[in-house]
Amino acid sequence: MDISQLLRSELFLITLTFLLFWIFTWIRRRSGVALLNPMILTIGSLILFLRLTGISYEEYSQGGRMIEFWLKPAIVALALPLYYELRHIKSQFMPLLAAEFTGCVVGIVSVVLIAGWLGASDEVIRSLAPKSVSTPIAIEISGRIGGIPALTSAVVVIVGMIGAMAGLRMMSWGNVKAPVAKSLSMGTAAHVIGTSRISEYGERYGAYATLGLIINGILTAFLAGPIVDFILGF
């Protein structure tokens, strides 16, 4: 096997992906700089690598299928810390639900109003509405309410990355100190990426972030369409 074949092999590409992510995660932890987000740095490095080697995204995605396969069980694994905190969640479920409902509505209304104020088309506005839920749910919602699923997918990733990098810092500026409040906010606003980020602080953080992720996904599926139709109807 020559070097060109090696670089294009599925095993090499998936190994390179995990290696880069591990290296950048280590760098972020050692430096303590939130802007050094491992996901962004890994994506940027992979884009540069593909450009320099002439490997197409289609070739890379062949190896990426193995990563995609493990995404579903990885998401299911988020339920484990949620189970450990189930007793505490039950005891305060209504306040948590009220907070989630408020966060969901504010998230949708704010992006719709800002996008409209900046002159975005109705189709783009509808694409932005489900920005804070995980990609599969967001794509489904976007297509159902008249948005552009491809645009929604890109926006969801960007929102998650921004939340992971800046979410905790912004909450510190707002003097938000409670672990439950921080965790719910990260899961609600930055979906899986935000949940992964704050889970580094412990299982309790991961549990409430997962709860925020789940409830916000459900509420957005029901509320995004009616809220957007109501605002655009004026």
C-alpha atoms as a PDB file:
ATOM      1  CA  MET A   1       0.000   0.000   0.000  1.00  0.00           C
ATOM      2  CA  ASP A   2       1.501   3.369  -1.035  1.00  0.00           C
ATOM      3  CA  ILE A   3       1.209   6.565   1.021  1.00  0.00           C
ATOM      4  CA  SER A   4      -1.749   7.858  -1.026  1.00  0.00           C
ATOM      5  CA  GLN A   5      -3.763   4.706  -0.383  1.00  0.00           C
ATOM      6  CA  LEU A   6      -2.845   4.812   3.305  1.00  0.00           C
ATOM      7  CA  LEU A   7      -4.039   8.405   3.683  1.00  0.00           C
ATOM      8  CA  ARG A   8      -7.344   7.501   2.026  1.00  0.00           C
ATOM      9  CA  SER A   9      -7.969   4.368   4.043  1.00  0.00           C
ATOM     10  CA  GLU A  10     -10.986   4.392   6.362  1.00  0.00           C
ATOM     11  CA  LEU A  11      -8.915   3.178   9.311  1.00  0.00           C
ATOM     12  CA  PHE A  12      -6.354   5.984   8.938  1.00  0.00           C
ATOM     13  CA  LEU A  13      -8.983   8.709   8.561  1.00  0.00           C
ATOM     14  CA  ILE A  14     -11.002   7.652  11.577  1.00  0.00           C
ATOM     15  CA  THR A  15      -7.814   7.234  13.628  1.00  0.00           C
ATOM     16  CA  LEU A  16      -6.690  10.712  12.597  1.00  0.00           C
ATOM     17  CA  THR A  17     -10.068  12.148  13.637  1.00  0.00           C
ATOM     18  CA  PHE A  18      -9.960  10.635  17.118  1.00  0.00           C
ATOM     19  CA  LEU A  19      -6.278  11.484  17.562  1.00  0.00           C
ATOM     20  CA  LEU A  20      -6.790  15.140  16.670  1.00  0.00           C
ATOM     21  CA  PHE A  21      -9.795  15.405  18.987  1.00  0.00           C
ATOM     22  CA  TRP A  22      -7.830  13.809  21.849  1.00  0.00           C
ATOM     23  CA  ILE A  23      -4.859  16.140  21.310  1.00  0.00           C
ATOM     24  CA  PHE A  24      -7.006  19.283  21.223  1.00  0.00           C
ATOM     25  CA  THR A  25      -9.000  18.127  24.257  1.00  0.00           C
ATOM     26  CA  TRP A  26      -5.746  17.682  26.154  1.00  0.00           C
ATOM     27  CA  ILE A  27      -4.546  21.130  25.043  1.00  0.00           C
ATOM     28  CA  ARG A  28      -7.801  22.774  26.129  1.00  0.00           C
ATOM     29  CA  ARG A  29      -7.691  21.107  29.543  1.00  0.00           C
ATOM     30  CA  ARG A  30      -4.048  21.995  30.115  1.00  0.00           C
ATOM     31  CA  SER A  31      -4.457  25.580  28.966  1.00  0.00           C
ATOM     32  CA  GLY A  32      -7.877  26.240  30.472  1.00  0.00           C
ATOM     33  CA  VAL A  33      -8.747  28.417  27.468  1.00  0.00           C
ATOM     34  CA  ALA A  34     -12.403  27.840  26.559  1.00  0.00           C
ATOM     35  CA  LEU A  35     -11.914  29.254  23.046  1.00  0.00           C
ATOM     36  CA  LEU A  36      -9.672  26.297  22.221  1.00  0.00           C
ATOM     37  CA  ASN A  37     -12.713  24.165  21.533  1.00  0.00           C
ATOM     38  CA  PRO A  38     -11.612  20.636  20.536  1.00  0.00           C
ATOM     39  CA  MET A  39     -14.451  20.175  18.064  1.00  0.00           C
ATOM     40  CA  ILE A  40     -13.745  23.407  16.177  1.00  0.00           C
ATOM     41  CA  LEU A  41      -9.994  22.768  16.113  1.00  0.00           C
ATOM     42  CA  THR A  42     -10.497  19.185  14.956  1.00  0.00           C
ATOM     43  CA  ILE A  43     -12.853  20.231  12.162  1.00  0.00           C
ATOM     44  CA  GLY A  44     -10.475  22.983  11.058  1.00  0.00           C
ATOM     45  CA  SER A  45      -7.495  20.631  11.077  1.00  0.00           C
ATOM     46  CA  LEU A  46      -9.369  17.986   9.109  1.00  0.00           C
ATOM     47  CA  ILE A  47     -10.459  20.536   6.500  1.00  0.00           C
ATOM     48  CA  LEU A  48      -6.835  21.650   6.115  1.00  0.00           C
ATOM     49  CA  PHE A  49      -5.670  18.036   5.876  1.00  0.00           C
ATOM     50  CA  LEU A  50      -8.236  17.177   3.201  1.00  0.00           C
ATOM     51  CA  ARG A  51      -7.320  20.284   1.207  1.00  0.00           C
ATOM     52  CA  LEU A  52      -3.598  19.549   1.332  1.00  0.00           C
ATOM     53  CA  THR A  53      -3.948  15.871   0.423  1.00  0.00           C
ATOM     54  CA  GLY A  54      -6.694  16.304  -2.173  1.00  0.00           C
ATOM     55  CA  ILE A  55      -8.952  13.820  -0.398  1.00  0.00           C
ATOM     56  CA  SER A  56     -12.627  14.564  -1.027  1.00  0.00           C
ATOM     57  CA  TYR A  57     -15.206  14.829   1.723  1.00  0.00           C
ATOM     58  CA  GLU A  58     -17.004  11.841   0.198  1.00  0.00           C
ATOM     59  CA  GLU A  59     -13.875   9.708   0.719  1.00  0.00           C
ATOM     60  CA  TYR A  60     -13.490  10.945   4.284  1.00  0.00           C
ATOM     61  CA  SER A  61     -17.146  10.307   5.078  1.00  0.00           C
ATOM     62  CA  GLN A  62     -16.693   6.618   4.296  1.00  0.00           C
ATOM     63  CA  GLY A  63     -14.644   6.323   7.460  1.00  0.00           C
ATOM     64  CA  GLY A  64     -16.940   8.759   9.215  1.00  0.00           C
ATOM     65  CA  ARG A  65     -19.751   6.241   8.992  1.00  0.00           C
ATOM     66  CA  MET A  66     -18.089   4.328  11.809  1.00  0.00           C
ATOM     67  CA  ILE A  67     -18.237   7.444  13.978  1.00  0.00           C
ATOM     68  CA  GLU A  68     -21.881   8.037  13.078  1.00  0.00           C
ATOM     69  CA  PHE A  69     -22.682   4.466  14.103  1.00  0.00           C
ATOM     70  CA  TRP A  70     -21.594   5.204  17.681  1.00  0.00           C
ATOM     71  CA  LEU A  71     -23.442   8.513  17.939  1.00  0.00           C
ATOM     72  CA  LYS A  72     -26.756   6.865  18.790  1.00  0.00           C
ATOM     73  CA  PRO A  73     -25.470   4.688  21.666  1.00  0.00           C
ATOM     74  CA  ALA A  74     -23.416   7.674  22.887  1.00  0.00           C
ATOM     75  CA  ILE A  75     -26.564   9.807  23.105  1.00  0.00           C
ATOM     76  CA  VAL A  76     -28.405   6.992  24.883  1.00  0.00           C
ATOM     77  CA  ALA A  77     -25.515   6.831  27.360  1.00  0.00           C
ATOM     78  CA  LEU A  78     -26.367  10.389  28.428  1.00  0.00           C
ATOM     79  CA  ALA A  79     -29.412   8.896  30.155  1.00  0.00           C
ATOM     80  CA  LEU A  80     -27.226   7.206  32.782  1.00  0.00           C
ATOM     81  CA  PRO A  81     -26.397  10.320  34.845  1.00  0.00           C
ATOM     82  CA  LEU A  82     -30.005  11.411  34.334  1.00  0.00           C
ATOM     83  CA  TYR A  83     -31.142   8.170  35.987  1.00  0.00           C
ATOM     84  CA  TYR A  84     -28.884   8.789  38.983  1.00  0.00           C
ATOM     85  CA  GLU A  85     -30.478  12.207  39.523  1.00  0.00           C
ATOM     86  CA  LEU A  86     -34.039  11.031  38.877  1.00  0.00           C
ATOM     87  CA  ARG A  87     -35.191  11.358  42.503  1.00  0.00           C
ATOM     88  CA  HIS A  88     -34.054  14.987  42.715  1.00  0.00           C
ATOM     89  CA  ILE A  89     -35.508  15.788  39.299  1.00  0.00           C
ATOM     90  CA  LYS A  90     -38.925  14.425  40.288  1.00  0.00           C
ATOM     91  CA  SER A  91     -39.004  16.580  43.418  1.00  0.00           C
ATOM     92  CA  GLN A  92     -38.569  19.798  41.412  1.00  0.00           C
ATOM     93  CA  PHE A  93     -39.956  18.825  38.042  1.00  0.00           C
ATOM     94  CA  MET A  94     -42.535  21.625  37.700  1.00  0.00           C
ATOM     95  CA  PRO A  95     -40.040  24.474  38.315  1.00  0.00           C
ATOM     96  CA  LEU A  96     -37.646  22.776  35.901  1.00  0.00           C
ATOM     97  CA  LEU A  97     -40.376  22.438  33.289  1.00  0.00           C
ATOM     98  CA  ALA A  98     -41.362  26.085  33.699  1.00  0.00           C
ATOM     99  CA  ALA A  99     -37.749  27.151  33.257  1.00  0.00           C
ATOM    100  CA  GLU A 100     -37.414  24.970  30.162  1.00  0.00           C
ATOM    101  CA  PHE A 101     -40.616  26.341  28.649  1.00  0.00           C
ATOM    102  CA  THR A 102     -39.402  29.902  29.187  1.00  0.00           C
ATOM    103  CA  GLY A 103     -35.986  29.106  27.711  1.00  0.00           C
ATOM    104  CA  CYS A 104     -37.501  27.441  24.673  1.00  0.00           C
ATOM    105  CA  VAL A 105     -39.894  30.311  23.918  1.00  0.00           C
ATOM    106  CA  VAL A 106     -37.243  32.993  24.444  1.00  0.00           C
ATOM    107  CA  GLY A 107     -34.796  31.098  22.240  1.00  0.00           C
ATOM    108  CA  ILE A 108     -37.248  30.838  19.350  1.00  0.00           C
ATOM    109  CA  VAL A 109     -38.721  34.328  19.647  1.00  0.00           C
ATOM    110  CA  SER A 110     -35.343  36.050  19.942  1.00  0.00           C
ATOM    111  CA  VAL A 111     -33.817  34.454  16.861  1.00  0.00           C
ATOM    112  CA  VAL A 112     -36.970  35.030  14.781  1.00  0.00           C
ATOM    113  CA  LEU A 113     -37.161  38.705  15.749  1.00  0.00           C
ATOM    114  CA  ILE A 114     -33.446  39.349  15.233  1.00  0.00           C
ATOM    115  CA  ALA A 115     -33.377  37.538  11.875  1.00  0.00           C
ATOM    116  CA  GLY A 116     -36.459  39.448  10.733  1.00  0.00           C
ATOM    117  CA  TRP A 117     -34.959  42.764  11.877  1.00  0.00           C
ATOM    118  CA  LEU A 118     -31.805  42.000   9.855  1.00  0.00           C
ATOM    119  CA  GLY A 119     -33.889  41.374   6.746  1.00  0.00           C
ATOM    120  CA  ALA A 120     -33.793  37.584   6.510  1.00  0.00           C
ATOM    121  CA  SER A 121     -36.363  35.877   4.296  1.00  0.00           C
ATOM    122  CA  ASP A 122     -39.204  33.881   5.819  1.00  0.00           C
ATOM    123  CA  GLU A 123     -37.548  30.656   4.690  1.00  0.00           C
ATOM    124  CA  VAL A 124     -34.299  31.538   6.448  1.00  0.00           C
ATOM    125  CA  ILE A 125     -36.163  32.607   9.583  1.00  0.00           C
ATOM    126  CA  ARG A 126     -37.949  29.266   9.689  1.00  0.00           C
ATOM    127  CA  SER A 127     -34.581  27.542   9.258  1.00  0.00           C
ATOM    128  CA  LEU A 128     -33.151  29.365  12.279  1.00  0.00           C
ATOM    129  CA  ALA A 129     -36.059  28.745  14.657  1.00  0.00           C
ATOM    130  CA  PRO A 130     -34.967  25.234  15.810  1.00  0.00           C
ATOM    131  CA  LYS A 131     -31.309  26.280  16.259  1.00  0.00           C
ATOM    132  CA  SER A 132     -30.951  25.046  19.834  1.00  0.00           C
ATOM    133  CA  VAL A 133     -31.961  21.398  19.519  1.00  0.00           C
ATOM    134  CA  SER A 134     -29.890  18.435  18.366  1.00  0.00           C
ATOM    135  CA  THR A 135     -29.347  18.095  14.630  1.00  0.00           C
ATOM    136  CA  PRO A 136     -31.746  15.203  13.810  1.00  0.00           C
ATOM    137  CA  ILE A 137     -34.634  16.915  15.602  1.00  0.00           C
ATOM    138  CA  ALA A 138     -33.770  20.344  14.188  1.00  0.00           C
ATOM    139  CA  ILE A 139     -33.659  19.054  10.609  1.00  0.00           C
ATOM    140  CA  GLU A 140     -37.053  17.395  11.020  1.00  0.00           C
ATOM    141  CA  ILE A 141     -38.595  20.534  12.523  1.00  0.00           C
ATOM    142  CA  SER A 142     -37.059  22.773   9.858  1.00  0.00           C
ATOM    143  CA  GLY A 143     -38.470  20.711   7.010  1.00  0.00           C
ATOM    144  CA  ARG A 144     -41.887  20.577   8.620  1.00  0.00           C
ATOM    145  CA  ILE A 145     -42.232  24.340   9.201  1.00  0.00           C
ATOM    146  CA  GLY A 146     -40.908  25.381   5.775  1.00  0.00           C
ATOM    147  CA  GLY A 147     -37.228  25.941   6.514  1.00  0.00           C
ATOM    148  CA  ILE A 148     -34.058  24.762   4.775  1.00  0.00           C
ATOM    149  CA  PRO A 149     -32.803  21.614   6.585  1.00  0.00           C
ATOM    150  CA  ALA A 150     -29.229  21.980   5.276  1.00  0.00           C
ATOM    151  CA  LEU A 151     -29.022  25.536   6.627  1.00  0.00           C
ATOM    152  CA  THR A 152     -30.564  24.463   9.914  1.00  0.00           C
ATOM    153  CA  SER A 153     -27.996  21.692  10.279  1.00  0.00           C
ATOM    154  CA  ALA A 154     -25.104  24.123   9.854  1.00  0.00           C
ATOM    155  CA  VAL A 155     -26.613  26.663  12.252  1.00  0.00           C
ATOM    156  CA  VAL A 156     -27.215  24.018  14.922  1.00  0.00           C
ATOM    157  CA  VAL A 157     -23.531  23.043  14.880  1.00  0.00           C
ATOM    158  CA  ILE A 158     -22.419  26.682  15.061  1.00  0.00           C
ATOM    159  CA  VAL A 159     -24.800  27.432  17.943  1.00  0.00           C
ATOM    160  CA  GLY A 160     -23.562  24.384  19.850  1.00  0.00           C
ATOM    161  CA  MET A 161     -19.936  25.390  19.391  1.00  0.00           C
ATOM    162  CA  ILE A 162     -20.559  28.971  20.485  1.00  0.00           C
ATOM    163  CA  GLY A 163     -22.452  27.728  23.526  1.00  0.00           C
ATOM    164  CA  ALA A 164     -19.675  25.309  24.451  1.00  0.00           C
ATOM    165  CA  MET A 165     -17.021  28.018  24.142  1.00  0.00           C
ATOM    166  CA  ALA A 166     -18.796  31.012  25.638  1.00  0.00           C
ATOM    167  CA  GLY A 167     -21.811  29.709  27.576  1.00  0.00           C
ATOM    168  CA  LEU A 168     -20.155  29.239  30.954  1.00  0.00           C
ATOM    169  CA  ARG A 169     -18.276  32.519  30.699  1.00  0.00           C
ATOM    170  CA  MET A 170     -21.483  34.424  29.899  1.00  0.00           C
ATOM    171  CA  MET A 171     -23.243  32.840  32.862  1.00  0.00           C
ATOM    172  CA  SER A 172     -20.363  33.853  35.140  1.00  0.00           C
ATOM    173  CA  TRP A 173     -20.813  37.445  33.915  1.00  0.00           C
ATOM    174  CA  GLY A 174     -24.495  37.122  34.834  1.00  0.00           C
ATOM    175  CA  ASN A 175     -23.539  35.763  38.277  1.00  0.00           C
ATOM    176  CA  VAL A 176     -25.250  32.425  37.611  1.00  0.00           C
ATOM    177  CA  LYS A 177     -23.664  30.043  40.095  1.00  0.00           C
ATOM    178  CA  ALA A 178     -26.153  27.208  40.705  1.00  0.00           C
ATOM    179  CA  PRO A 179     -25.043  23.952  39.046  1.00  0.00           C
ATOM    180  CA  VAL A 180     -28.624  23.107  38.040  1.00  0.00           C
ATOM    181  CA  ALA A 181     -29.150  26.500  36.381  1.00  0.00           C
ATOM    182  CA  LYS A 182     -25.842  26.290  34.512  1.00  0.00           C
ATOM    183  CA  SER A 183     -26.507  22.747  33.352  1.00  0.00           C
ATOM    184  CA  LEU A 184     -30.076  23.368  32.194  1.00  0.00           C
ATOM    185  CA  SER A 185     -28.956  26.461  30.320  1.00  0.00           C
ATOM    186  CA  MET A 186     -26.156  24.662  28.496  1.00  0.00           C
ATOM    187  CA  GLY A 187     -28.374  21.741  27.511  1.00  0.00           C
ATOM    188  CA  THR A 188     -31.214  24.010  26.436  1.00  0.00           C
ATOM    189  CA  ALA A 189     -29.191  26.557  24.461  1.00  0.00           C
ATOM    190  CA  ALA A 190     -26.331  24.441  23.106  1.00  0.00           C
ATOM    191  CA  HIS A 191     -27.859  20.935  22.811  1.00  0.00           C
ATOM    192  CA  VAL A 192     -25.443  17.952  22.674  1.00  0.00           C
ATOM    193  CA  ILE A 193     -22.260  19.995  22.299  1.00  0.00           C
ATOM    194  CA  GLY A 194     -23.088  22.147  25.305  1.00  0.00           C
ATOM    195  CA  THR A 195     -24.108  19.078  27.286  1.00  0.00           C
ATOM    196  CA  SER A 196     -20.799  17.406  26.483  1.00  0.00           C
ATOM    197  CA  ARG A 197     -18.902  20.504  27.579  1.00  0.00           C
ATOM    198  CA  ILE A 198     -20.548  20.928  30.962  1.00  0.00           C
ATOM    199  CA  SER A 199     -20.536  17.175  31.647  1.00  0.00           C
ATOM    200  CA  GLU A 200     -16.800  17.551  32.181  1.00  0.00           C
ATOM    201  CA  TYR A 201     -17.637  19.088  35.570  1.00  0.00           C
ATOM    202  CA  GLY A 202     -19.369  15.975  36.859  1.00  0.00           C
ATOM    203  CA  GLU A 203     -22.320  13.614  36.528  1.00  0.00           C
ATOM    204  CA  ARG A 204     -24.815  15.991  38.135  1.00  0.00           C
ATOM    205  CA  TYR A 205     -24.015  18.680  35.581  1.00  0.00           C
ATOM    206  CA  GLY A 206     -24.406  16.149  32.793  1.00  0.00           C
ATOM    207  CA  ALA A 207     -27.733  14.924  34.151  1.00  0.00           C
ATOM    208  CA  TYR A 208     -29.422  18.322  34.212  1.00  0.00           C
ATOM    209  CA  ALA A 209     -27.891  19.359  30.897  1.00  0.00           C
ATOM    210  CA  THR A 210     -29.295  16.172  29.375  1.00  0.00           C
ATOM    211  CA  LEU A 211     -32.682  16.996  30.883  1.00  0.00           C
ATOM    212  CA  GLY A 212     -32.522  20.458  29.311  1.00  0.00           C
ATOM    213  CA  LEU A 213     -31.552  18.954  25.977  1.00  0.00           C
ATOM    214  CA  ILE A 214     -34.447  16.481  26.003  1.00  0.00           C
ATOM    215  CA  ILE A 215     -37.212  18.809  27.198  1.00  0.00           C
ATOM    216  CA  ASN A 216     -36.143  21.639  24.906  1.00  0.00           C
ATOM    217  CA  GLY A 217     -36.170  19.251  21.951  1.00  0.00           C
ATOM    218  CA  ILE A 218     -39.724  18.161  22.731  1.00  0.00           C
ATOM    219  CA  LEU A 219     -41.002  21.695  23.380  1.00  0.00           C
ATOM    220  CA  THR A 220     -39.334  23.090  20.250  1.00  0.00           C
ATOM    221  CA  ALA A 221     -40.961  20.393  18.129  1.00  0.00           C
ATOM    222  CA  PHE A 222     -44.383  21.568  19.330  1.00  0.00           C
ATOM    223  CA  LEU A 223     -43.810  25.322  19.632  1.00  0.00           C
ATOM    224  CA  ALA A 224     -41.456  26.333  16.813  1.00  0.00           C
ATOM    225  CA  GLY A 225     -44.076  26.238  14.061  1.00  0.00           C
ATOM    226  CA  PRO A 226     -46.877  28.097  15.884  1.00  0.00           C
ATOM    227  CA  ILE A 227     -44.508  30.754  17.264  1.00  0.00           C
ATOM    228  CA  VAL A 228     -42.918  31.436  13.880  1.00  0.00           C
ATOM    229  CA  ASP A 229     -46.315  31.535  12.132  1.00  0.00           C
ATOM    230  CA  PHE A 230     -47.643  33.920  14.780  1.00  0.00           C
ATOM    231  CA  ILE A 231     -44.718  36.349  14.522  1.00  0.00           C
ATOM    232  CA  LEU A 232     -44.497  36.256  10.738  1.00  0.00           C
ATOM    233  CA  GLY A 233     -48.260  36.752  10.538  1.00  0.00           C
ATOM    234  CA  PHE A 234     -47.950  40.332  11.751  1.00  0.00           C
END
